[in-house]
């Protein structure tokens, strides 16, 4: 990381950033080798200082096709955006907190694990995990997680 003065290494502070974020962007590789970035709603769990991100979507489509071809993907999320004005154009800056990293995708195996992932996502946005989810919806929804194998965090605060 070039700006070590902005690096965050404390695990709790890093997960606080994840908690504050509302969108996670997955970086995939398209079949022609170009980048394919998709913004997604997400939930997350932490076990033994290991971050796992949970996602859902339609049971078919380009995103799932690419995930099935290459299970190692990257991610990025950011929050707390604020323009920091300056006296001159070169003095302007931007406040933020962000995390980015990589991991391995695993598709939920069975209805119980899909339901667990869906509830994890709902808990992230509503702080409730007891939502009833109709069984037909659970069966029709693709649920997958990203087991994070490496990640970094960074922040730039307004003065």
Protein backbone atom coordinates (compact mmCIF):
# COMPACT_ATOMS: atom_id res chain seq x y z
CA UNK A 1 0.00 0.00 0.00
CA UNK A 2 1.48 3.29 -1.10
CA UNK A 3 -0.16 5.50 1.56
CA UNK A 4 0.83 3.65 4.74
CA UNK A 5 -0.38 6.66 6.76
CA UNK A 6 -3.93 5.79 5.68
CA UNK A 7 -3.70 2.02 6.16
CA UNK A 8 -5.93 0.37 8.75
CA UNK A 9 -4.65 -2.92 10.15
CA UNK A 10 -6.81 -3.39 13.25
CA UNK A 11 -9.25 -6.22 12.46
CA UNK A 12 -12.14 -4.68 14.42
CA UNK A 13 -11.68 -1.34 12.64
CA UNK A 14 -11.61 -3.15 9.30
CA UNK A 15 -14.87 -4.98 10.02
CA UNK A 16 -16.42 -1.68 11.18
CA UNK A 17 -15.85 -0.40 7.65
CA UNK A 18 -17.53 -3.49 6.19
CA UNK A 19 -20.47 -2.97 8.56
CA UNK A 20 -20.85 0.66 7.39
CA UNK A 21 -20.80 -0.21 3.67
CA UNK A 22 -24.00 -0.77 1.71
CA UNK A 23 -22.62 -2.10 -1.58
CA UNK A 24 -19.85 -4.56 -2.39
CA UNK A 25 -18.34 -4.65 -5.86
CA UNK A 26 -17.05 -7.98 -7.09
CA UNK A 27 -14.29 -7.95 -9.68
CA UNK A 28 -14.60 -10.88 -12.07
CA UNK A 29 -12.80 -11.75 -15.29
CA UNK A 30 -14.94 -11.88 -18.40
CA UNK A 31 -14.45 -14.64 -20.98
CA UNK A 32 -12.39 -12.30 -23.18
CA UNK A 33 -10.05 -11.44 -20.29
CA UNK A 34 -11.51 -8.02 -19.52
CA UNK A 35 -12.64 -6.91 -16.09
CA UNK A 36 -16.30 -7.37 -15.20
CA UNK A 37 -17.35 -5.48 -12.07
CA UNK A 38 -20.72 -6.06 -10.48
CA UNK A 39 -22.19 -4.14 -7.50
CA UNK A 40 -24.09 -6.32 -5.03
CA UNK A 41 -25.96 -6.23 -1.76
CA UNK A 42 -24.18 -8.35 0.81
CA UNK A 43 -24.03 -9.70 4.32
CA UNK A 44 -21.04 -10.92 6.25
CA UNK A 45 -19.90 -13.18 9.02
CA UNK A 46 -16.67 -13.30 11.00
CA UNK A 47 -15.29 -16.49 12.53
CA UNK A 48 -11.80 -16.73 14.00
CA UNK A 49 -10.84 -13.41 12.36
CA UNK A 50 -11.89 -14.73 8.97
CA UNK A 51 -14.29 -12.59 6.95
CA UNK A 52 -16.93 -14.26 4.78
CA UNK A 53 -19.11 -12.16 2.50
CA UNK A 54 -22.55 -13.46 1.45
CA UNK A 55 -24.39 -12.58 -1.79
CA UNK A 56 -27.54 -13.58 -3.63
CA UNK A 57 -28.99 -13.22 -7.10
CA UNK A 58 -30.83 -14.86 -9.92
CA UNK A 59 -30.14 -18.54 -10.43
CA UNK A 60 -28.69 -17.87 -13.89
CA UNK A 61 -26.88 -15.13 -15.74
CA UNK A 62 -23.48 -13.76 -16.66
CA UNK A 63 -22.33 -13.18 -13.08
CA UNK A 64 -22.94 -16.82 -12.11
CA UNK A 65 -21.40 -18.07 -15.34
CA UNK A 66 -18.21 -16.13 -14.61
CA UNK A 67 -18.14 -17.22 -10.96
CA UNK A 68 -18.39 -20.85 -11.99
CA UNK A 69 -15.48 -20.42 -14.43
CA UNK A 70 -13.08 -18.80 -11.95
CA UNK A 71 -13.81 -19.06 -8.26
CA UNK A 72 -11.08 -16.61 -7.16
CA UNK A 73 -12.42 -13.05 -7.31
CA UNK A 74 -11.66 -9.62 -5.92
CA UNK A 75 -13.91 -7.22 -4.04
CA UNK A 76 -14.09 -3.56 -3.04
CA UNK A 77 -16.40 -1.49 -0.86
CA UNK A 78 -16.26 2.07 0.42
CA UNK A 79 -18.19 4.48 2.64
CA UNK A 80 -18.09 7.85 4.46
CA UNK A 81 -17.61 9.92 1.32
CA UNK A 82 -17.02 13.63 1.82
CA UNK A 83 -15.46 16.29 -0.36
CA UNK A 84 -12.68 18.17 1.43
CA UNK A 85 -12.49 21.66 -0.13
CA UNK A 86 -9.29 23.60 -0.60
CA UNK A 87 -8.16 27.08 -1.57
CA UNK A 88 -7.01 25.81 -5.00
CA UNK A 89 -8.05 22.90 -7.18
CA UNK A 90 -4.92 20.95 -6.20
CA UNK A 91 -5.81 21.35 -2.51
CA UNK A 92 -9.14 19.54 -2.81
CA UNK A 93 -9.33 15.99 -1.50
CA UNK A 94 -11.90 13.35 -0.65
CA UNK A 95 -12.59 11.59 2.65
CA UNK A 96 -13.52 7.89 2.64
CA UNK A 97 -13.06 4.53 4.30
CA UNK A 98 -12.59 1.46 2.11
CA UNK A 99 -11.69 -2.20 2.05
CA UNK A 100 -10.56 -4.36 -0.81
CA UNK A 101 -9.32 -7.88 -1.17
CA UNK A 102 -9.70 -11.29 -2.73
CA UNK A 103 -11.14 -14.64 -1.90
CA UNK A 104 -12.68 -17.86 -3.10
CA UNK A 105 -16.33 -18.20 -4.04
CA UNK A 106 -18.39 -21.11 -2.77
CA UNK A 107 -22.01 -21.69 -3.75
CA UNK A 108 -24.41 -22.48 -0.91
CA UNK A 109 -25.08 -26.18 -0.70
CA UNK A 110 -28.73 -26.91 -0.07
CA UNK A 111 -31.70 -24.90 1.09
CA UNK A 112 -30.55 -24.52 4.70
CA UNK A 113 -27.27 -22.88 3.71
CA UNK A 114 -29.04 -20.64 1.16
CA UNK A 115 -31.49 -19.55 3.86
CA UNK A 116 -28.57 -18.84 6.22
CA UNK A 117 -26.94 -16.64 3.56
CA UNK A 118 -30.17 -14.76 2.80
CA UNK A 119 -30.77 -14.07 6.48
CA UNK A 120 -27.18 -12.88 6.86
CA UNK A 121 -27.75 -10.36 4.05
CA UNK A 122 -31.01 -9.15 5.61
CA UNK A 123 -29.33 -8.80 9.00
CA UNK A 124 -26.66 -6.54 7.51
CA UNK A 125 -29.28 -4.07 6.24
CA UNK A 126 -32.02 -4.40 8.86
CA UNK A 127 -30.22 -5.73 11.98
CA UNK A 128 -32.73 -8.60 12.05
CA UNK A 129 -31.98 -12.19 11.11
CA UNK A 130 -35.38 -13.74 11.83
CA UNK A 131 -37.05 -12.84 8.53
CA UNK A 132 -39.34 -15.53 7.18
CA UNK A 133 -38.31 -16.47 3.65
CA UNK A 134 -40.73 -18.50 1.55
CA UNK A 135 -39.24 -21.91 0.64
CA UNK A 136 -39.94 -21.34 -3.07
CA UNK A 137 -37.83 -18.17 -2.95
CA UNK A 138 -34.99 -20.00 -1.20
CA UNK A 139 -35.02 -22.69 -3.89
CA UNK A 140 -35.11 -20.15 -6.74
CA UNK A 141 -32.31 -17.90 -5.47
CA UNK A 142 -28.61 -18.41 -6.03
CA UNK A 143 -26.68 -17.79 -2.81
CA UNK A 144 -22.91 -17.77 -2.63
CA UNK A 145 -20.21 -16.64 -0.27
CA UNK A 146 -16.75 -15.23 -0.72
CA UNK A 147 -14.28 -16.67 1.78
CA UNK A 148 -11.84 -13.77 2.06
CA UNK A 149 -8.22 -14.90 1.85
CA UNK A 150 -6.62 -11.45 1.95
CA UNK A 151 -7.79 -7.90 2.38
CA UNK A 152 -6.67 -4.38 3.20
CA UNK A 153 -8.37 -1.30 4.58
CA UNK A 154 -7.70 2.37 4.19
CA UNK A 155 -9.20 5.67 5.41
CA UNK A 156 -8.79 9.34 4.71
CA UNK A 157 -10.61 11.59 7.13
CA UNK A 158 -11.69 15.18 6.81
CA UNK A 159 -9.69 17.52 9.07
